[in-house]
Amino acid sequence: MTDHRQRPRRRGQGELEGLVLSVLREANGPATAGWVQERLGGDLAYTTVVTILTRLLAKSAVTRERAGRSFVWTPASDQAGLAARKMRKVLDGEGDREAVLASFVTALGPDDEQLLRQLLRQPSAESED
């Protein structure tokens, strides 16, 4: 006889990281892994949550500090900052940066292209130092 019980859908690593980050952003300050696990609905094991947080730390998406015998975690940036970090990582992995950037810009819609032009005209924080 075959067991016809459905197994829970397996989520991808990026999806879990996104869920953990969104829960951390809801916190009123640094949060423990246990707090994150509770807010996720107990769907994930505590060790899985710690693993995800540790991966996010390696990607500089979160910070942590010691609190007693454990750690508390804080998101390092918002969704926009995280997306920008991913875009930069892709760009850094390519040999011909000019070709990648040119291809990216030509694929933008008119509104996004105009927004990018406006952003490029703004003085950067680095040039003000």
N, C-alpha and C. Protein backbone atom coordinates (compact mmCIF):
# COMPACT_ATOMS: atom_id res chain seq x y z
N MET A 1 0.84 -1.17 0.00
CA MET A 1 0.00 0.00 0.00
C MET A 1 0.89 1.24 0.00
N THR A 2 0.54 2.22 -0.81
CA THR A 2 1.34 3.43 -0.95
C THR A 2 0.84 4.51 -0.01
N ASP A 3 1.77 5.25 0.57
CA ASP A 3 1.43 6.36 1.46
C ASP A 3 1.14 7.58 0.59
N HIS A 4 -0.10 8.08 0.62
CA HIS A 4 -0.51 9.19 -0.24
C HIS A 4 -0.53 10.53 0.48
N ARG A 5 0.06 10.58 1.67
CA ARG A 5 0.12 11.87 2.37
C ARG A 5 0.98 12.83 1.59
N GLN A 6 0.53 14.07 1.55
CA GLN A 6 1.32 15.09 0.84
C GLN A 6 2.43 15.59 1.73
N ARG A 7 3.60 15.70 1.14
CA ARG A 7 4.72 16.29 1.86
C ARG A 7 4.61 17.80 1.71
N PRO A 8 5.01 18.53 2.73
CA PRO A 8 4.97 19.99 2.61
C PRO A 8 5.87 20.44 1.45
N ARG A 9 5.44 21.51 0.79
CA ARG A 9 6.21 22.07 -0.32
C ARG A 9 7.56 22.54 0.20
N ARG A 10 8.59 22.17 -0.51
CA ARG A 10 9.94 22.57 -0.12
C ARG A 10 10.21 23.97 -0.65
N ARG A 11 10.54 24.88 0.26
CA ARG A 11 10.83 26.26 -0.14
C ARG A 11 12.30 26.40 -0.51
N GLY A 12 12.56 27.32 -1.40
CA GLY A 12 13.94 27.59 -1.79
C GLY A 12 14.64 28.42 -0.75
N GLN A 13 15.97 28.37 -0.78
CA GLN A 13 16.77 29.12 0.20
C GLN A 13 16.47 30.61 0.15
N GLY A 14 16.36 31.17 -1.03
CA GLY A 14 16.07 32.59 -1.16
C GLY A 14 14.72 32.96 -0.57
N GLU A 15 13.75 32.07 -0.73
CA GLU A 15 12.41 32.32 -0.18
C GLU A 15 12.45 32.35 1.35
N LEU A 16 13.18 31.41 1.93
CA LEU A 16 13.29 31.38 3.40
C LEU A 16 14.03 32.61 3.91
N GLU A 17 15.08 32.99 3.21
CA GLU A 17 15.82 34.19 3.62
C GLU A 17 14.92 35.41 3.56
N GLY A 18 14.10 35.51 2.54
CA GLY A 18 13.16 36.63 2.42
C GLY A 18 12.16 36.64 3.56
N LEU A 19 11.65 35.47 3.93
CA LEU A 19 10.70 35.38 5.04
C LEU A 19 11.35 35.81 6.35
N VAL A 20 12.55 35.32 6.60
CA VAL A 20 13.25 35.66 7.84
C VAL A 20 13.53 37.16 7.89
N LEU A 21 13.99 37.73 6.78
CA LEU A 21 14.25 39.17 6.75
C LEU A 21 12.97 39.98 6.99
N SER A 22 11.87 39.55 6.40
CA SER A 22 10.64 40.32 6.59
C SER A 22 10.17 40.25 8.04
N VAL A 23 10.35 39.11 8.68
CA VAL A 23 10.00 38.99 10.10
C VAL A 23 10.91 39.89 10.94
N LEU A 24 12.21 39.89 10.63
CA LEU A 24 13.14 40.74 11.39
C LEU A 24 12.78 42.22 11.27
N ARG A 25 12.30 42.62 10.09
CA ARG A 25 11.93 44.03 9.89
C ARG A 25 10.71 44.41 10.72
N GLU A 26 9.90 43.44 11.11
CA GLU A 26 8.72 43.72 11.93
C GLU A 26 9.08 43.92 13.40
N ALA A 27 10.27 43.51 13.78
CA ALA A 27 10.70 43.62 15.18
C ALA A 27 10.91 45.08 15.55
N ASN A 28 10.74 45.38 16.83
CA ASN A 28 10.95 46.74 17.33
C ASN A 28 12.39 46.96 17.76
N GLY A 29 13.28 46.17 17.25
CA GLY A 29 14.69 46.24 17.60
C GLY A 29 15.31 44.89 17.32
N PRO A 30 16.50 44.65 17.85
CA PRO A 30 17.15 43.36 17.63
C PRO A 30 16.27 42.22 18.14
N ALA A 31 16.30 41.08 17.42
CA ALA A 31 15.44 39.94 17.76
C ALA A 31 16.26 38.66 17.86
N THR A 32 15.82 37.77 18.71
CA THR A 32 16.48 36.47 18.84
C THR A 32 15.98 35.53 17.75
N ALA A 33 16.74 34.47 17.52
CA ALA A 33 16.32 33.45 16.56
C ALA A 33 15.01 32.80 17.01
N GLY A 34 14.84 32.62 18.30
CA GLY A 34 13.59 32.06 18.82
C GLY A 34 12.39 32.94 18.52
N TRP A 35 12.57 34.25 18.65
CA TRP A 35 11.49 35.19 18.34
C TRP A 35 11.13 35.10 16.86
N VAL A 36 12.17 35.03 16.00
CA VAL A 36 11.93 34.90 14.56
C VAL A 36 11.17 33.60 14.28
N GLN A 37 11.61 32.52 14.91
CA GLN A 37 10.95 31.22 14.70
C GLN A 37 9.48 31.28 15.09
N GLU A 38 9.17 31.89 16.23
CA GLU A 38 7.77 32.03 16.68
C GLU A 38 6.94 32.79 15.65
N ARG A 39 7.49 33.91 15.14
CA ARG A 39 6.75 34.74 14.18
C ARG A 39 6.53 34.03 12.85
N LEU A 40 7.40 33.08 12.54
CA LEU A 40 7.24 32.30 11.31
C LEU A 40 6.19 31.21 11.47
N GLY A 41 5.64 31.08 12.67
CA GLY A 41 4.57 30.11 12.90
C GLY A 41 5.04 28.73 13.30
N GLY A 42 6.28 28.60 13.73
CA GLY A 42 6.77 27.31 14.16
C GLY A 42 6.94 26.32 13.02
N ASP A 43 6.86 26.82 11.79
CA ASP A 43 6.98 25.98 10.60
C ASP A 43 8.39 25.44 10.43
N LEU A 44 9.36 26.19 10.91
CA LEU A 44 10.76 25.82 10.75
C LEU A 44 11.40 25.47 12.08
N ALA A 45 12.34 24.56 12.03
CA ALA A 45 13.09 24.20 13.24
C ALA A 45 13.97 25.38 13.65
N TYR A 46 14.23 25.48 14.94
CA TYR A 46 15.08 26.55 15.46
C TYR A 46 16.44 26.54 14.76
N THR A 47 17.02 25.34 14.58
CA THR A 47 18.33 25.25 13.95
C THR A 47 18.29 25.75 12.50
N THR A 48 17.18 25.55 11.81
CA THR A 48 17.03 26.04 10.44
C THR A 48 17.02 27.56 10.44
N VAL A 49 16.31 28.16 11.38
CA VAL A 49 16.27 29.62 11.48
C VAL A 49 17.67 30.17 11.76
N VAL A 50 18.41 29.54 12.66
CA VAL A 50 19.78 29.99 12.96
C VAL A 50 20.66 29.85 11.72
N THR A 51 20.51 28.77 10.97
CA THR A 51 21.28 28.58 9.75
C THR A 51 20.99 29.68 8.74
N ILE A 52 19.72 30.01 8.57
CA ILE A 52 19.33 31.08 7.63
C ILE A 52 19.90 32.42 8.09
N LEU A 53 19.78 32.71 9.38
CA LEU A 53 20.33 33.96 9.90
C LEU A 53 21.85 34.03 9.70
N THR A 54 22.53 32.91 9.88
CA THR A 54 23.98 32.86 9.70
C THR A 54 24.35 33.10 8.24
N ARG A 55 23.57 32.53 7.32
CA ARG A 55 23.81 32.77 5.89
C ARG A 55 23.58 34.24 5.55
N LEU A 56 22.54 34.83 6.13
CA LEU A 56 22.25 36.25 5.89
C LEU A 56 23.37 37.12 6.45
N LEU A 57 23.94 36.70 7.58
CA LEU A 57 25.07 37.42 8.16
C LEU A 57 26.26 37.38 7.21
N ALA A 58 26.53 36.22 6.62
CA ALA A 58 27.64 36.09 5.68
C ALA A 58 27.44 36.96 4.44
N LYS A 59 26.18 37.24 4.10
CA LYS A 59 25.85 38.09 2.95
C LYS A 59 25.73 39.55 3.35
N SER A 60 26.01 39.86 4.61
CA SER A 60 25.90 41.22 5.16
C SER A 60 24.47 41.75 5.10
N ALA A 61 23.49 40.87 5.09
CA ALA A 61 22.09 41.28 5.06
C ALA A 61 21.55 41.51 6.47
N VAL A 62 22.22 40.94 7.49
CA VAL A 62 21.84 41.14 8.88
C VAL A 62 23.11 41.38 9.69
N THR A 63 22.92 41.92 10.88
CA THR A 63 24.01 42.03 11.84
C THR A 63 23.60 41.27 13.08
N ARG A 64 24.56 40.93 13.91
CA ARG A 64 24.23 40.25 15.16
C ARG A 64 25.14 40.77 16.26
N GLU A 65 24.63 40.70 17.46
CA GLU A 65 25.45 41.05 18.62
C GLU A 65 25.10 40.09 19.74
N ARG A 66 26.07 39.88 20.58
CA ARG A 66 25.91 38.95 21.71
C ARG A 66 24.93 39.53 22.70
N ALA A 67 24.01 38.69 23.18
CA ALA A 67 23.06 39.07 24.23
C ALA A 67 22.98 37.89 25.18
N GLY A 68 23.77 37.96 26.24
CA GLY A 68 23.84 36.82 27.15
C GLY A 68 24.57 35.67 26.48
N ARG A 69 23.93 34.50 26.46
CA ARG A 69 24.56 33.33 25.86
C ARG A 69 24.18 33.14 24.39
N SER A 70 23.33 34.01 23.87
CA SER A 70 22.92 33.87 22.48
C SER A 70 23.18 35.17 21.73
N PHE A 71 22.57 35.29 20.56
CA PHE A 71 22.72 36.48 19.74
C PHE A 71 21.37 37.11 19.48
N VAL A 72 21.39 38.41 19.19
CA VAL A 72 20.22 39.10 18.67
C VAL A 72 20.59 39.59 17.27
N TRP A 73 19.59 39.61 16.41
CA TRP A 73 19.80 39.85 14.98
C TRP A 73 19.03 41.08 14.55
N THR A 74 19.61 41.85 13.61
CA THR A 74 18.98 43.06 13.09
C THR A 74 19.20 43.09 11.58
N PRO A 75 18.17 43.45 10.81
CA PRO A 75 18.40 43.58 9.36
C PRO A 75 19.38 44.72 9.08
N ALA A 76 20.30 44.49 8.15
CA ALA A 76 21.31 45.50 7.83
C ALA A 76 20.77 46.54 6.86
N SER A 77 19.73 46.19 6.10
CA SER A 77 19.17 47.14 5.16
C SER A 77 17.74 46.74 4.82
N ASP A 78 17.08 47.61 4.10
CA ASP A 78 15.71 47.33 3.68
C ASP A 78 15.71 46.48 2.41
N GLN A 79 14.54 46.19 1.85
CA GLN A 79 14.42 45.39 0.64
C GLN A 79 15.20 46.00 -0.52
N ALA A 80 15.12 47.31 -0.66
CA ALA A 80 15.83 47.97 -1.75
C ALA A 80 17.34 47.77 -1.62
N GLY A 81 17.85 47.90 -0.42
CA GLY A 81 19.27 47.70 -0.18
C GLY A 81 19.71 46.28 -0.47
N LEU A 82 18.86 45.32 -0.10
CA LEU A 82 19.16 43.92 -0.36
C LEU A 82 19.16 43.64 -1.86
N ALA A 83 18.20 44.17 -2.58
CA ALA A 83 18.14 43.98 -4.03
C ALA A 83 19.36 44.62 -4.70
N ALA A 84 19.75 45.80 -4.23
CA ALA A 84 20.92 46.48 -4.79
C ALA A 84 22.18 45.65 -4.55
N ARG A 85 22.29 45.04 -3.38
CA ARG A 85 23.44 44.20 -3.06
C ARG A 85 23.51 42.99 -4.01
N LYS A 86 22.33 42.41 -4.31
CA LYS A 86 22.29 41.27 -5.24
C LYS A 86 22.71 41.70 -6.64
N MET A 87 22.22 42.88 -7.07
CA MET A 87 22.59 43.39 -8.39
C MET A 87 24.10 43.63 -8.47
N ARG A 88 24.66 44.17 -7.43
CA ARG A 88 26.10 44.45 -7.39
C ARG A 88 26.91 43.16 -7.44
N LYS A 89 26.42 42.13 -6.76
CA LYS A 89 27.12 40.85 -6.76
C LYS A 89 27.15 40.25 -8.16
N VAL A 90 26.03 40.35 -8.88
CA VAL A 90 25.98 39.86 -10.26
C VAL A 90 26.95 40.66 -11.12
N LEU A 91 26.93 41.96 -11.00
CA LEU A 91 27.82 42.82 -11.79
C LEU A 91 29.28 42.51 -11.49
N ASP A 92 29.61 42.33 -10.22
CA ASP A 92 30.99 42.04 -9.83
C ASP A 92 31.47 40.70 -10.38
N GLY A 93 30.53 39.80 -10.67
CA GLY A 93 30.90 38.48 -11.17
C GLY A 93 31.11 38.43 -12.67
N GLU A 94 30.88 39.52 -13.36
CA GLU A 94 31.02 39.56 -14.81
C GLU A 94 32.33 40.22 -15.23
N GLY A 95 32.89 39.75 -16.33
CA GLY A 95 34.16 40.29 -16.81
C GLY A 95 34.02 41.61 -17.54
N ASP A 96 32.97 41.76 -18.34
CA ASP A 96 32.80 42.96 -19.14
C ASP A 96 31.70 43.82 -18.52
N ARG A 97 32.06 44.61 -17.53
CA ARG A 97 31.09 45.43 -16.80
C ARG A 97 30.37 46.40 -17.73
N GLU A 98 31.10 46.98 -18.67
CA GLU A 98 30.50 47.95 -19.58
C GLU A 98 29.38 47.31 -20.40
N ALA A 99 29.62 46.10 -20.90
CA ALA A 99 28.61 45.40 -21.70
C ALA A 99 27.39 45.06 -20.85
N VAL A 100 27.63 44.62 -19.62
CA VAL A 100 26.51 44.26 -18.73
C VAL A 100 25.68 45.50 -18.42
N LEU A 101 26.33 46.59 -18.05
CA LEU A 101 25.61 47.82 -17.73
C LEU A 101 24.87 48.37 -18.95
N ALA A 102 25.51 48.33 -20.11
CA ALA A 102 24.87 48.82 -21.33
C ALA A 102 23.63 47.99 -21.65
N SER A 103 23.75 46.68 -21.50
CA SER A 103 22.61 45.80 -21.77
C SER A 103 21.48 46.05 -20.78
N PHE A 104 21.84 46.27 -19.53
CA PHE A 104 20.85 46.55 -18.48
C PHE A 104 20.09 47.83 -18.79
N VAL A 105 20.82 48.88 -19.12
CA VAL A 105 20.21 50.19 -19.37
C VAL A 105 19.31 50.15 -20.60
N THR A 106 19.75 49.48 -21.67
CA THR A 106 18.93 49.44 -22.88
C THR A 106 17.67 48.59 -22.69
N ALA A 107 17.67 47.73 -21.69
CA ALA A 107 16.48 46.90 -21.43
C ALA A 107 15.47 47.59 -20.52
N LEU A 108 15.83 48.75 -19.96
CA LEU A 108 14.93 49.47 -19.07
C LEU A 108 13.78 50.10 -19.86
N GLY A 109 12.63 50.18 -19.21
CA GLY A 109 11.52 50.91 -19.79
C GLY A 109 11.78 52.41 -19.68
N PRO A 110 11.01 53.22 -20.40
CA PRO A 110 11.25 54.67 -20.41
C PRO A 110 11.18 55.31 -19.02
N ASP A 111 10.25 54.89 -18.18
CA ASP A 111 10.14 55.48 -16.84
C ASP A 111 11.35 55.15 -15.99
N ASP A 112 11.78 53.87 -16.04
CA ASP A 112 12.95 53.47 -15.25
C ASP A 112 14.22 54.15 -15.77
N GLU A 113 14.32 54.29 -17.08
CA GLU A 113 15.49 54.96 -17.67
C GLU A 113 15.55 56.41 -17.21
N GLN A 114 14.41 57.08 -17.20
CA GLN A 114 14.36 58.47 -16.76
C GLN A 114 14.74 58.58 -15.28
N LEU A 115 14.23 57.66 -14.47
CA LEU A 115 14.57 57.65 -13.04
C LEU A 115 16.06 57.44 -12.85
N LEU A 116 16.64 56.51 -13.58
CA LEU A 116 18.08 56.26 -13.47
C LEU A 116 18.87 57.51 -13.86
N ARG A 117 18.45 58.19 -14.91
CA ARG A 117 19.14 59.42 -15.33
C ARG A 117 19.08 60.48 -14.23
N GLN A 118 17.91 60.61 -13.59
CA GLN A 118 17.77 61.58 -12.49
C GLN A 118 18.70 61.22 -11.34
N LEU A 119 18.76 59.93 -11.00
CA LEU A 119 19.61 59.48 -9.90
C LEU A 119 21.09 59.72 -10.21
N LEU A 120 21.47 59.52 -11.45
CA LEU A 120 22.87 59.73 -11.84
C LEU A 120 23.27 61.20 -11.81
N ARG A 121 22.32 62.09 -11.98
CA ARG A 121 22.61 63.54 -11.93
C ARG A 121 22.77 64.04 -10.50
N GLN A 122 22.27 63.29 -9.52
CA GLN A 122 22.39 63.71 -8.12
C GLN A 122 23.83 63.53 -7.66
N PRO A 123 24.32 64.47 -6.83
CA PRO A 123 25.67 64.30 -6.29
C PRO A 123 25.73 63.06 -5.39
N SER A 124 26.78 62.30 -5.54
CA SER A 124 26.90 61.11 -4.69
C SER A 124 27.48 61.51 -3.34
N ALA A 125 27.18 60.69 -2.33
CA ALA A 125 27.67 60.95 -0.99
C ALA A 125 29.21 60.86 -0.96
N GLU A 126 29.79 59.98 -1.79
CA GLU A 126 31.24 59.83 -1.81
C GLU A 126 31.94 61.07 -2.32
N SER A 127 31.35 61.76 -3.33
CA SER A 127 32.03 62.93 -3.89
C SER A 127 31.89 64.16 -3.00
N GLU A 128 31.04 64.09 -1.99
CA GLU A 128 30.86 65.22 -1.08
C GLU A 128 31.88 65.21 0.05
N ASP A 129 32.59 64.08 0.22
CA ASP A 129 33.57 63.98 1.32
C ASP A 129 34.81 64.78 1.06
